[in-house]
Amino acid sequence: MRTEFLLLAQYGATAIIPLDIVCRDYFAPLTPPTLLRKISGGEIKLPLVRMEASQKGAKGVHVEDLAKYIDERRAAAVKECDQLCA
């Protein structure tokens, strides 16, 4: 099953998942401000959607981008495991 479909089921078919929820579910023990800093600094390659131009506006992650990030992390883990077990 595709990761994107699983995320859509998990978040009730929501296209944009609020940053604090993404942080809680996938980046614990980071806090939302730390996650925002790491995304803004390029340490975590995850596109951030700002609902308005204001810095105080709502921020979130599109479900397709989160699915791609999860799949890329999984592929890296599988590659590492294959190298260790070979």
Foldseek 3Di string as FASTA:
>chain_A
DAQLVVVCVVVVNDFWDFQQVCCVPPPPPDGSVRVVVCCVVVVQVFDKDFPDPDPPGTITGGSVRVSVSVVVVVVVVVVVVVVVVD
